[in-house]
Structures are given as structure tokens and as C-alpha cells.
ModelCIF file with pLDDT and N, C-alpha, C, O atoms, coordinates in Angstrom:
data_MODEL
#
_entry.id   MODEL 
#
_entity.id                         1 
_entity.type                       polymer 
_entity.pdbx_number_of_molecules   1 
#
_entity_poly.entity_id                      1 
_entity_poly.type                           'polypeptide(L)' 
_entity_poly.nstd_linkage                   no 
_entity_poly.nstd_monomer                   no 
_entity_poly.pdbx_seq_one_letter_code       IAKTMEMIFQYPHLQTYILLTGDIDFRPLLQTL 
_entity_poly.pdbx_seq_one_letter_code_can   IAKTMEMIFQYPHLQTYILLTGDIDFRPLLQTL 
_entity_poly.pdbx_strand_id                 A 
#
loop_
_entity_poly_seq.entity_id 
_entity_poly_seq.num 
_entity_poly_seq.mon_id 
_entity_poly_seq.hetero 
1 1  ILE n 
1 2  ALA n 
1 3  LYS n 
1 4  THR n 
1 5  MET n 
1 6  GLU n 
1 7  MET n 
1 8  ILE n 
1 9  PHE n 
1 10 GLN n 
1 11 TYR n 
1 12 PRO n 
1 13 HIS n 
1 14 LEU n 
1 15 GLN n 
1 16 THR n 
1 17 TYR n 
1 18 ILE n 
1 19 LEU n 
1 20 LEU n 
1 21 THR n 
1 22 GLY n 
1 23 ASP n 
1 24 ILE n 
1 25 ASP n 
1 26 PHE n 
1 27 ARG n 
1 28 PRO n 
1 29 LEU n 
1 30 LEU n 
1 31 GLN n 
1 32 THR n 
1 33 LEU n 
#
_struct_asym.id          A 
_struct_asym.entity_id   1 
#
loop_
_ma_qa_metric.id 
_ma_qa_metric.mode 
_ma_qa_metric.name 
_ma_qa_metric.software_group_id 
_ma_qa_metric.type 
1 global pLDDT . pLDDT 
2 local  pLDDT . pLDDT 
#
_ma_qa_metric_global.metric_id      1 
_ma_qa_metric_global.metric_value   94.67 
_ma_qa_metric_global.model_id       1 
_ma_qa_metric_global.ordinal_id     1 
#
loop_
_ma_qa_metric_local.label_asym_id 
_ma_qa_metric_local.label_comp_id 
_ma_qa_metric_local.label_seq_id 
_ma_qa_metric_local.metric_id 
_ma_qa_metric_local.metric_value 
_ma_qa_metric_local.model_id 
_ma_qa_metric_local.ordinal_id 
A ILE 1  2 93.00 1 1  
A ALA 2  2 93.00 1 2  
A LYS 3  2 94.00 1 3  
A THR 4  2 95.00 1 4  
A MET 5  2 95.00 1 5  
A GLU 6  2 95.00 1 6  
A MET 7  2 95.00 1 7  
A ILE 8  2 95.00 1 8  
A PHE 9  2 95.00 1 9  
A GLN 10 2 94.00 1 10 
A TYR 11 2 94.00 1 11 
A PRO 12 2 94.00 1 12 
A HIS 13 2 94.00 1 13 
A LEU 14 2 96.00 1 14 
A GLN 15 2 95.00 1 15 
A THR 16 2 97.00 1 16 
A TYR 17 2 97.00 1 17 
A ILE 18 2 97.00 1 18 
A LEU 19 2 97.00 1 19 
A LEU 20 2 96.00 1 20 
A THR 21 2 94.00 1 21 
A GLY 22 2 94.00 1 22 
A ASP 23 2 92.00 1 23 
A ILE 24 2 92.00 1 24 
A ASP 25 2 91.00 1 25 
A PHE 26 2 94.00 1 26 
A ARG 27 2 94.00 1 27 
A PRO 28 2 94.00 1 28 
A LEU 29 2 95.00 1 29 
A LEU 30 2 96.00 1 30 
A GLN 31 2 95.00 1 31 
A THR 32 2 96.00 1 32 
A LEU 33 2 96.00 1 33 
#
loop_
_atom_site.group_PDB 
_atom_site.id 
_atom_site.type_symbol 
_atom_site.label_atom_id 
_atom_site.label_alt_id 
_atom_site.label_comp_id 
_atom_site.label_asym_id 
_atom_site.label_entity_id 
_atom_site.label_seq_id 
_atom_site.pdbx_PDB_ins_code 
_atom_site.Cartn_x 
_atom_site.Cartn_y 
_atom_site.Cartn_z 
_atom_site.occupancy 
_atom_site.B_iso_or_equiv 
_atom_site.pdbx_formal_charge 
_atom_site.auth_seq_id 
_atom_site.auth_comp_id 
_atom_site.auth_asym_id 
_atom_site.auth_atom_id 
_atom_site.pdbx_PDB_model_num 
ATOM 1   N N  . ILE A 1 1  ? -27.099 62.386 56.189 1.00 93.00 ? 1  ILE A N  1 
ATOM 2   C CA . ILE A 1 1  ? -26.618 63.253 57.259 1.00 93.00 ? 1  ILE A CA 1 
ATOM 3   C C  . ILE A 1 1  ? -27.426 63.022 58.535 1.00 93.00 ? 1  ILE A C  1 
ATOM 4   O O  . ILE A 1 1  ? -26.866 62.918 59.626 1.00 93.00 ? 1  ILE A O  1 
ATOM 5   N N  . ALA A 1 2  ? -28.760 62.941 58.383 1.00 93.00 ? 2  ALA A N  1 
ATOM 6   C CA . ALA A 1 2  ? -29.618 62.722 59.547 1.00 93.00 ? 2  ALA A CA 1 
ATOM 7   C C  . ALA A 1 2  ? -29.323 61.380 60.206 1.00 93.00 ? 2  ALA A C  1 
ATOM 8   O O  . ALA A 1 2  ? -29.312 61.277 61.432 1.00 93.00 ? 2  ALA A O  1 
ATOM 9   N N  . LYS A 1 3  ? -29.084 60.361 59.399 1.00 94.00 ? 3  LYS A N  1 
ATOM 10  C CA . LYS A 1 3  ? -28.772 59.031 59.934 1.00 94.00 ? 3  LYS A CA 1 
ATOM 11  C C  . LYS A 1 3  ? -27.444 59.057 60.705 1.00 94.00 ? 3  LYS A C  1 
ATOM 12  O O  . LYS A 1 3  ? -27.315 58.443 61.764 1.00 94.00 ? 3  LYS A O  1 
ATOM 13  N N  . THR A 1 4  ? -26.476 59.771 60.161 1.00 95.00 ? 4  THR A N  1 
ATOM 14  C CA . THR A 1 4  ? -25.172 59.856 60.820 1.00 95.00 ? 4  THR A CA 1 
ATOM 15  C C  . THR A 1 4  ? -25.276 60.607 62.148 1.00 95.00 ? 4  THR A C  1 
ATOM 16  O O  . THR A 1 4  ? -24.684 60.199 63.147 1.00 95.00 ? 4  THR A O  1 
ATOM 17  N N  . MET A 1 5  ? -26.026 61.699 62.151 1.00 95.00 ? 5  MET A N  1 
ATOM 18  C CA . MET A 1 5  ? -26.222 62.453 63.389 1.00 95.00 ? 5  MET A CA 1 
ATOM 19  C C  . MET A 1 5  ? -26.877 61.590 64.453 1.00 95.00 ? 5  MET A C  1 
ATOM 20  O O  . MET A 1 5  ? -26.525 61.662 65.631 1.00 95.00 ? 5  MET A O  1 
ATOM 21  N N  . GLU A 1 6  ? -27.817 60.785 64.034 1.00 95.00 ? 6  GLU A N  1 
ATOM 22  C CA . GLU A 1 6  ? -28.484 59.867 64.961 1.00 95.00 ? 6  GLU A CA 1 
ATOM 23  C C  . GLU A 1 6  ? -27.481 58.876 65.552 1.00 95.00 ? 6  GLU A C  1 
ATOM 24  O O  . GLU A 1 6  ? -27.535 58.562 66.741 1.00 95.00 ? 6  GLU A O  1 
ATOM 25  N N  . MET A 1 7  ? -26.584 58.396 64.727 1.00 95.00 ? 7  MET A N  1 
ATOM 26  C CA . MET A 1 7  ? -25.591 57.418 65.179 1.00 95.00 ? 7  MET A CA 1 
ATOM 27  C C  . MET A 1 7  ? -24.619 58.029 66.177 1.00 95.00 ? 7  MET A C  1 
ATOM 28  O O  . MET A 1 7  ? -24.183 57.346 67.104 1.00 95.00 ? 7  MET A O  1 
ATOM 29  N N  . ILE A 1 8  ? -24.269 59.303 66.008 1.00 95.00 ? 8  ILE A N  1 
ATOM 30  C CA . ILE A 1 8  ? -23.328 59.954 66.919 1.00 95.00 ? 8  ILE A CA 1 
ATOM 31  C C  . ILE A 1 8  ? -23.824 59.869 68.357 1.00 95.00 ? 8  ILE A C  1 
ATOM 32  O O  . ILE A 1 8  ? -23.044 59.622 69.276 1.00 95.00 ? 8  ILE A O  1 
ATOM 33  N N  . PHE A 1 9  ? -25.117 60.074 68.545 1.00 95.00 ? 9  PHE A N  1 
ATOM 34  C CA . PHE A 1 9  ? -25.673 60.117 69.896 1.00 95.00 ? 9  PHE A CA 1 
ATOM 35  C C  . PHE A 1 9  ? -26.168 58.750 70.379 1.00 95.00 ? 9  PHE A C  1 
ATOM 36  O O  . PHE A 1 9  ? -26.090 58.452 71.571 1.00 95.00 ? 9  PHE A O  1 
ATOM 37  N N  . GLN A 1 10 ? -26.666 57.934 69.478 1.00 94.00 ? 10 GLN A N  1 
ATOM 38  C CA . GLN A 1 10 ? -27.182 56.626 69.885 1.00 94.00 ? 10 GLN A CA 1 
ATOM 39  C C  . GLN A 1 10 ? -26.074 55.595 70.052 1.00 94.00 ? 10 GLN A C  1 
ATOM 40  O O  . GLN A 1 10 ? -26.200 54.667 70.851 1.00 94.00 ? 10 GLN A O  1 
ATOM 41  N N  . TYR A 1 11 ? -24.985 55.756 69.296 1.00 94.00 ? 11 TYR A N  1 
ATOM 42  C CA . TYR A 1 11 ? -23.904 54.773 69.331 1.00 94.00 ? 11 TYR A CA 1 
ATOM 43  C C  . TYR A 1 11 ? -22.569 55.479 69.592 1.00 94.00 ? 11 TYR A C  1 
ATOM 44  O O  . TYR A 1 11 ? -21.724 55.557 68.700 1.00 94.00 ? 11 TYR A O  1 
ATOM 45  N N  . PRO A 1 12 ? -22.380 55.991 70.811 1.00 94.00 ? 12 PRO A N  1 
ATOM 46  C CA . PRO A 1 12 ? -21.144 56.730 71.115 1.00 94.00 ? 12 PRO A CA 1 
ATOM 47  C C  . PRO A 1 12 ? -19.890 55.873 71.042 1.00 94.00 ? 12 PRO A C  1 
ATOM 48  O O  . PRO A 1 12 ? -18.783 56.410 71.015 1.00 94.00 ? 12 PRO A O  1 
ATOM 49  N N  . HIS A 1 13 ? -20.040 54.530 71.010 1.00 94.00 ? 13 HIS A N  1 
ATOM 50  C CA . HIS A 1 13 ? -18.870 53.659 70.930 1.00 94.00 ? 13 HIS A CA 1 
ATOM 51  C C  . HIS A 1 13 ? -18.227 53.687 69.547 1.00 94.00 ? 13 HIS A C  1 
ATOM 52  O O  . HIS A 1 13 ? -17.118 53.182 69.374 1.00 94.00 ? 13 HIS A O  1 
ATOM 53  N N  . LEU A 1 14 ? -18.907 54.267 68.559 1.00 96.00 ? 14 LEU A N  1 
ATOM 54  C CA . LEU A 1 14 ? -18.332 54.368 67.215 1.00 96.00 ? 14 LEU A CA 1 
ATOM 55  C C  . LEU A 1 14 ? -17.286 55.487 67.215 1.00 96.00 ? 14 LEU A C  1 
ATOM 56  O O  . LEU A 1 14 ? -17.616 56.657 67.408 1.00 96.00 ? 14 LEU A O  1 
ATOM 57  N N  . GLN A 1 15 ? -16.024 55.113 66.997 1.00 95.00 ? 15 GLN A N  1 
ATOM 58  C CA . GLN A 1 15 ? -14.946 56.105 67.044 1.00 95.00 ? 15 GLN A CA 1 
ATOM 59  C C  . GLN A 1 15 ? -14.511 56.585 65.663 1.00 95.00 ? 15 GLN A C  1 
ATOM 60  O O  . GLN A 1 15 ? -14.023 57.706 65.519 1.00 95.00 ? 15 GLN A O  1 
ATOM 61  N N  . THR A 1 16 ? -14.687 55.738 64.648 1.00 97.00 ? 16 THR A N  1 
ATOM 62  C CA . THR A 1 16 ? -14.201 56.062 63.307 1.00 97.00 ? 16 THR A CA 1 
ATOM 63  C C  . THR A 1 16 ? -15.334 56.001 62.300 1.00 97.00 ? 16 THR A C  1 
ATOM 64  O O  . THR A 1 16 ? -16.087 55.028 62.250 1.00 97.00 ? 16 THR A O  1 
ATOM 65  N N  . TYR A 1 17 ? -15.446 57.053 61.498 1.00 97.00 ? 17 TYR A N  1 
ATOM 66  C CA . TYR A 1 17 ? -16.470 57.112 60.452 1.00 97.00 ? 17 TYR A CA 1 
ATOM 67  C C  . TYR A 1 17 ? -15.790 57.155 59.092 1.00 97.00 ? 17 TYR A C  1 
ATOM 68  O O  . TYR A 1 17 ? -14.995 58.051 58.807 1.00 97.00 ? 17 TYR A O  1 
ATOM 69  N N  . ILE A 1 18 ? -16.116 56.169 58.254 1.00 97.00 ? 18 ILE A N  1 
ATOM 70  C CA . ILE A 1 18 ? -15.627 56.153 56.875 1.00 97.00 ? 18 ILE A CA 1 
ATOM 71  C C  . ILE A 1 18 ? -16.768 56.636 55.992 1.00 97.00 ? 18 ILE A C  1 
ATOM 72  O O  . ILE A 1 18 ? -17.793 55.964 55.870 1.00 97.00 ? 18 ILE A O  1 
ATOM 73  N N  . LEU A 1 19 ? -16.590 57.798 55.377 1.00 97.00 ? 19 LEU A N  1 
ATOM 74  C CA . LEU A 1 19 ? -17.630 58.402 54.539 1.00 97.00 ? 19 LEU A CA 1 
ATOM 75  C C  . LEU A 1 19 ? -17.243 58.288 53.076 1.00 97.00 ? 19 LEU A C  1 
ATOM 76  O O  . LEU A 1 19 ? -16.162 58.721 52.677 1.00 97.00 ? 19 LEU A O  1 
ATOM 77  N N  . LEU A 1 20 ? -18.119 57.707 52.283 1.00 96.00 ? 20 LEU A N  1 
ATOM 78  C CA . LEU A 1 20 ? -17.870 57.569 50.859 1.00 96.00 ? 20 LEU A CA 1 
ATOM 79  C C  . LEU A 1 20 ? -18.648 58.660 50.134 1.00 96.00 ? 20 LEU A C  1 
ATOM 80  O O  . LEU A 1 20 ? -19.814 58.488 49.776 1.00 96.00 ? 20 LEU A O  1 
ATOM 81  N N  . THR A 1 21 ? -17.983 59.768 49.932 1.00 94.00 ? 21 THR A N  1 
ATOM 82  C CA . THR A 1 21 ? -18.585 60.917 49.257 1.00 94.00 ? 21 THR A CA 1 
ATOM 83  C C  . THR A 1 21 ? -17.494 61.937 48.992 1.00 94.00 ? 21 THR A C  1 
ATOM 84  O O  . THR A 1 21 ? -16.412 61.870 49.575 1.00 94.00 ? 21 THR A O  1 
ATOM 85  N N  . GLY A 1 22 ? -17.782 62.869 48.119 1.00 94.00 ? 22 GLY A N  1 
ATOM 86  C CA . GLY A 1 22 ? -16.903 64.014 47.917 1.00 94.00 ? 22 GLY A CA 1 
ATOM 87  C C  . GLY A 1 22 ? -17.724 65.277 47.849 1.00 94.00 ? 22 GLY A C  1 
ATOM 88  O O  . GLY A 1 22 ? -17.242 66.327 47.423 1.00 94.00 ? 22 GLY A O  1 
ATOM 89  N N  . ASP A 1 23 ? -18.978 65.169 48.276 1.00 92.00 ? 23 ASP A N  1 
ATOM 90  C CA . ASP A 1 23 ? -19.970 66.239 48.146 1.00 92.00 ? 23 ASP A CA 1 
ATOM 91  C C  . ASP A 1 23 ? -19.779 67.294 49.237 1.00 92.00 ? 23 ASP A C  1 
ATOM 92  O O  . ASP A 1 23 ? -19.690 66.962 50.419 1.00 92.00 ? 23 ASP A O  1 
ATOM 93  N N  . ILE A 1 24 ? -19.716 68.562 48.836 1.00 92.00 ? 24 ILE A N  1 
ATOM 94  C CA . ILE A 1 24 ? -19.553 69.664 49.771 1.00 92.00 ? 24 ILE A CA 1 
ATOM 95  C C  . ILE A 1 24 ? -20.700 69.749 50.767 1.00 92.00 ? 24 ILE A C  1 
ATOM 96  O O  . ILE A 1 24 ? -20.532 70.311 51.849 1.00 92.00 ? 24 ILE A O  1 
ATOM 97  N N  . ASP A 1 25 ? -21.863 69.201 50.422 1.00 91.00 ? 25 ASP A N  1 
ATOM 98  C CA . ASP A 1 25 ? -23.021 69.246 51.321 1.00 91.00 ? 25 ASP A CA 1 
ATOM 99  C C  . ASP A 1 25 ? -22.744 68.530 52.646 1.00 91.00 ? 25 ASP A C  1 
ATOM 100 O O  . ASP A 1 25 ? -23.442 68.762 53.633 1.00 91.00 ? 25 ASP A O  1 
ATOM 101 N N  . PHE A 1 26 ? -21.734 67.665 52.672 1.00 94.00 ? 26 PHE A N  1 
ATOM 102 C CA . PHE A 1 26 ? -21.427 66.909 53.889 1.00 94.00 ? 26 PHE A CA 1 
ATOM 103 C C  . PHE A 1 26 ? -20.426 67.628 54.798 1.00 94.00 ? 26 PHE A C  1 
ATOM 104 O O  . PHE A 1 26 ? -20.036 67.093 55.835 1.00 94.00 ? 26 PHE A O  1 
ATOM 105 N N  . ARG A 1 27 ? -20.017 68.818 54.418 1.00 94.00 ? 27 ARG A N  1 
ATOM 106 C CA . ARG A 1 27 ? -19.037 69.539 55.235 1.00 94.00 ? 27 ARG A CA 1 
ATOM 107 C C  . ARG A 1 27 ? -19.552 69.810 56.652 1.00 94.00 ? 27 ARG A C  1 
ATOM 108 O O  . ARG A 1 27 ? -18.807 69.576 57.603 1.00 94.00 ? 27 ARG A O  1 
ATOM 109 N N  . PRO A 1 28 ? -20.795 70.294 56.845 1.00 94.00 ? 28 PRO A N  1 
ATOM 110 C CA . PRO A 1 28 ? -21.275 70.505 58.225 1.00 94.00 ? 28 PRO A CA 1 
ATOM 111 C C  . PRO A 1 28 ? -21.278 69.214 59.049 1.00 94.00 ? 28 PRO A C  1 
ATOM 112 O O  . PRO A 1 28 ? -21.056 69.246 60.260 1.00 94.00 ? 28 PRO A O  1 
ATOM 113 N N  . LEU A 1 29 ? -21.531 68.081 58.388 1.00 95.00 ? 29 LEU A N  1 
ATOM 114 C CA . LEU A 1 29 ? -21.515 66.801 59.094 1.00 95.00 ? 29 LEU A CA 1 
ATOM 115 C C  . LEU A 1 29 ? -20.104 66.483 59.584 1.00 95.00 ? 29 LEU A C  1 
ATOM 116 O O  . LEU A 1 29 ? -19.924 66.045 60.720 1.00 95.00 ? 29 LEU A O  1 
ATOM 117 N N  . LEU A 1 30 ? -19.114 66.701 58.741 1.00 96.00 ? 30 LEU A N  1 
ATOM 118 C CA . LEU A 1 30 ? -17.732 66.444 59.146 1.00 96.00 ? 30 LEU A CA 1 
ATOM 119 C C  . LEU A 1 30 ? -17.315 67.365 60.293 1.00 96.00 ? 30 LEU A C  1 
ATOM 120 O O  . LEU A 1 30 ? -16.570 66.957 61.183 1.00 96.00 ? 30 LEU A O  1 
ATOM 121 N N  . GLN A 1 31 ? -17.795 68.595 60.267 1.00 95.00 ? 31 GLN A N  1 
ATOM 122 C CA . GLN A 1 31 ? -17.495 69.515 61.360 1.00 95.00 ? 31 GLN A CA 1 
ATOM 123 C C  . GLN A 1 31 ? -18.086 69.004 62.675 1.00 95.00 ? 31 GLN A C  1 
ATOM 124 O O  . GLN A 1 31 ? -17.454 69.089 63.728 1.00 95.00 ? 31 GLN A O  1 
ATOM 125 N N  . THR A 1 32 ? -19.302 68.476 62.595 1.00 96.00 ? 32 THR A N  1 
ATOM 126 C CA . THR A 1 32 ? -19.952 67.929 63.791 1.00 96.00 ? 32 THR A CA 1 
ATOM 127 C C  . THR A 1 32 ? -19.207 66.706 64.305 1.00 96.00 ? 32 THR A C  1 
ATOM 128 O O  . THR A 1 32 ? -19.004 66.567 65.511 1.00 96.00 ? 32 THR A O  1 
ATOM 129 N N  . LEU A 1 33 ? -18.800 65.822 63.406 1.00 96.00 ? 33 LEU A N  1 
ATOM 130 C CA . LEU A 1 33 ? -18.036 64.643 63.810 1.00 96.00 ? 33 LEU A CA 1 
ATOM 131 C C  . LEU A 1 33 ? -16.732 65.051 64.495 1.00 96.00 ? 33 LEU A C  1 
ATOM 132 O O  . LEU A 1 33 ? -15.955 64.189 64.905 1.00 96.00 ? 33 LEU A O  1 
#
């Protein structure tokens, strides 16, 4: 999650995120994306 948050701000050119997980813990991350 921390790595992904870092990428959102450091690499704004990334438009699409493919997440390989089904874990509910990643829900706040998806909300941020």
C-alpha cells in the first residue's frame, strides 16, 4: 500500500493500476486511487 501511494504522487503519468489481490485491507488504497 505504501509503495502504491508513493507511485501515485511520484509517477502521475500512471493512469491504470492492475492490483493482484482480493484482500479487504486494500480497500482504502482503491478508494485513494
